[in-house]
Amino acid sequence: MLKVVDVDLKIGENAKAHHTDRYEWTQQRETDNVNVDPCLVVRRGEPFDIFIRFDRPFDSSKDDIQLIFDFGNLALSTDTALIFNMTDR
């Protein structure tokens, strides 16, 4: 089984490319005395980059990759999720 060991959402680069770099959500911030990490904020219909590192090289003959993007709570049950199959099999 292919395992994810690291995901980099490229928040700084994507925020700049999507003109969301001045949004509070894309910055390290403090809320109620708790540090909050930056979030990825992109614009609909525009490309963005992410980097995913696996525990071994990807082998298209035996590995399937599926990316699920959800938007809010209960995303899969409310049609606010997108599922992308990244392999041809």
C-alpha atoms as a PDB file:
ATOM      1  CA  MET A   1       0.000   0.000   0.000  1.00  0.00           C
ATOM      2  CA  LEU A   2       1.257   3.430  -0.967  1.00  0.00           C
ATOM      3  CA  LYS A   3       1.355   5.740   2.075  1.00  0.00           C
ATOM      4  CA  VAL A   4       1.442   9.527   2.205  1.00  0.00           C
ATOM      5  CA  VAL A   5       4.306  10.842   4.328  1.00  0.00           C
ATOM      6  CA  ASP A   6       4.021  14.578   3.598  1.00  0.00           C
ATOM      7  CA  VAL A   7       1.647  17.058   1.954  1.00  0.00           C
ATOM      8  CA  ASP A   8       2.648  20.613   1.089  1.00  0.00           C
ATOM      9  CA  LEU A   9      -0.304  22.737  -0.026  1.00  0.00           C
ATOM     10  CA  LYS A  10       2.072  25.459  -1.257  1.00  0.00           C
ATOM     11  CA  ILE A  11      -0.108  27.979   0.584  1.00  0.00           C
ATOM     12  CA  GLY A  12       2.183  30.971   0.039  1.00  0.00           C
ATOM     13  CA  GLU A  13       2.684  30.346  -3.675  1.00  0.00           C
ATOM     14  CA  ASN A  14      -0.947  29.450  -4.352  1.00  0.00           C
ATOM     15  CA  ALA A  15      -2.274  32.403  -2.351  1.00  0.00           C
ATOM     16  CA  LYS A  16      -0.101  34.792  -4.335  1.00  0.00           C
ATOM     17  CA  ALA A  17      -1.156  33.243  -7.670  1.00  0.00           C
ATOM     18  CA  HIS A  18      -4.851  33.397  -6.688  1.00  0.00           C
ATOM     19  CA  HIS A  19      -4.633  36.904  -5.224  1.00  0.00           C
ATOM     20  CA  THR A  20      -5.698  35.616  -1.807  1.00  0.00           C
ATOM     21  CA  ASP A  21      -2.357  36.263  -0.103  1.00  0.00           C
ATOM     22  CA  ARG A  22      -3.758  39.171   1.902  1.00  0.00           C
ATOM     23  CA  TYR A  23      -6.648  37.098   3.279  1.00  0.00           C
ATOM     24  CA  GLU A  24      -6.393  36.462   7.018  1.00  0.00           C
ATOM     25  CA  TRP A  25      -6.970  32.718   6.472  1.00  0.00           C
ATOM     26  CA  THR A  26      -3.757  32.396   4.421  1.00  0.00           C
ATOM     27  CA  GLN A  27      -1.636  33.799   7.264  1.00  0.00           C
ATOM     28  CA  GLN A  28      -0.352  32.349  10.538  1.00  0.00           C
ATOM     29  CA  ARG A  29      -2.630  33.897  13.162  1.00  0.00           C
ATOM     30  CA  GLU A  30      -3.808  33.671  16.722  1.00  0.00           C
ATOM     31  CA  THR A  31      -7.438  33.130  17.677  1.00  0.00           C
ATOM     32  CA  ASP A  32      -8.518  32.953  21.325  1.00  0.00           C
ATOM     33  CA  ASN A  33      -4.850  32.635  22.362  1.00  0.00           C
ATOM     34  CA  VAL A  34      -4.400  29.620  20.060  1.00  0.00           C
ATOM     35  CA  ASN A  35      -2.014  29.636  17.088  1.00  0.00           C
ATOM     36  CA  VAL A  36      -3.865  28.812  13.878  1.00  0.00           C
ATOM     37  CA  ASP A  37      -1.990  27.548  10.826  1.00  0.00           C
ATOM     38  CA  PRO A  38      -2.561  29.142   7.421  1.00  0.00           C
ATOM     39  CA  CYS A  39      -5.235  27.604   5.175  1.00  0.00           C
ATOM     40  CA  LEU A  40      -5.254  27.097   1.432  1.00  0.00           C
ATOM     41  CA  VAL A  41      -7.582  29.618  -0.229  1.00  0.00           C
ATOM     42  CA  VAL A  42      -7.876  29.315  -4.005  1.00  0.00           C
ATOM     43  CA  ARG A  43     -10.294  30.660  -6.563  1.00  0.00           C
ATOM     44  CA  ARG A  44     -12.755  28.425  -8.362  1.00  0.00           C
ATOM     45  CA  GLY A  45     -11.670  27.366 -11.834  1.00  0.00           C
ATOM     46  CA  GLU A  46      -8.033  28.341 -11.397  1.00  0.00           C
ATOM     47  CA  PRO A  47      -5.178  25.802 -11.228  1.00  0.00           C
ATOM     48  CA  PHE A  48      -3.167  25.323  -8.050  1.00  0.00           C
ATOM     49  CA  ASP A  49      -0.157  23.263  -7.027  1.00  0.00           C
ATOM     50  CA  ILE A  50       0.249  20.784  -4.195  1.00  0.00           C
ATOM     51  CA  PHE A  51       3.141  18.455  -3.404  1.00  0.00           C
ATOM     52  CA  ILE A  52       2.503  14.955  -2.040  1.00  0.00           C
ATOM     53  CA  ARG A  53       5.370  12.738  -0.891  1.00  0.00           C
ATOM     54  CA  PHE A  54       4.857   8.984  -0.607  1.00  0.00           C
ATOM     55  CA  ASP A  55       6.808   6.343   1.296  1.00  0.00           C
ATOM     56  CA  ARG A  56       7.983   4.848  -1.999  1.00  0.00           C
ATOM     57  CA  PRO A  57       7.864   5.647  -5.728  1.00  0.00           C
ATOM     58  CA  PHE A  58       4.431   5.580  -7.365  1.00  0.00           C
ATOM     59  CA  ASP A  59       3.825   2.514  -9.566  1.00  0.00           C
ATOM     60  CA  SER A  60       0.906   3.037 -11.970  1.00  0.00           C
ATOM     61  CA  SER A  61       0.540  -0.717 -12.519  1.00  0.00           C
ATOM     62  CA  LYS A  62      -0.421  -1.367  -8.887  1.00  0.00           C
ATOM     63  CA  ASP A  63      -1.180   1.962  -7.171  1.00  0.00           C
ATOM     64  CA  ASP A  64      -4.401   3.947  -7.284  1.00  0.00           C
ATOM     65  CA  ILE A  65      -4.498   7.529  -6.079  1.00  0.00           C
ATOM     66  CA  GLN A  66      -7.690   9.363  -5.262  1.00  0.00           C
ATOM     67  CA  LEU A  67      -7.788  12.988  -4.110  1.00  0.00           C
ATOM     68  CA  ILE A  68     -10.862  14.154  -2.199  1.00  0.00           C
ATOM     69  CA  PHE A  69     -11.460  17.874  -1.764  1.00  0.00           C
ATOM     70  CA  ASP A  70     -14.210  18.729   0.680  1.00  0.00           C
ATOM     71  CA  PHE A  71     -15.729  22.050   1.527  1.00  0.00           C
ATOM     72  CA  GLY A  72     -17.212  22.228   5.019  1.00  0.00           C
ATOM     73  CA  ASN A  73     -18.764  19.691   7.360  1.00  0.00           C
ATOM     74  CA  LEU A  74     -20.559  16.655   5.915  1.00  0.00           C
ATOM     75  CA  ALA A  75     -19.138  17.481   2.503  1.00  0.00           C
ATOM     76  CA  LEU A  76     -19.724  14.077   0.915  1.00  0.00           C
ATOM     77  CA  SER A  77     -23.373  13.995   1.942  1.00  0.00           C
ATOM     78  CA  THR A  78     -24.116  17.534   0.754  1.00  0.00           C
ATOM     79  CA  ASP A  79     -22.434  17.483  -2.673  1.00  0.00           C
ATOM     80  CA  THR A  80     -19.720  19.896  -1.551  1.00  0.00           C
ATOM     81  CA  ALA A  81     -16.897  17.426  -2.190  1.00  0.00           C
ATOM     82  CA  LEU A  82     -14.939  16.620  -5.320  1.00  0.00           C
ATOM     83  CA  ILE A  83     -13.260  13.265  -5.876  1.00  0.00           C
ATOM     84  CA  PHE A  84     -10.496  12.915  -8.456  1.00  0.00           C
ATOM     85  CA  ASN A  85      -9.097   9.558  -9.509  1.00  0.00           C
ATOM     86  CA  MET A  86      -5.489  10.171 -10.446  1.00  0.00           C
ATOM     87  CA  THR A  87      -4.876   6.869 -12.234  1.00  0.00           C
ATOM     88  CA  ASP A  88      -6.271   5.369 -15.422  1.00  0.00           C
ATOM     89  CA  ARG A  89      -7.181   1.974 -13.978  1.00  0.00           C
END
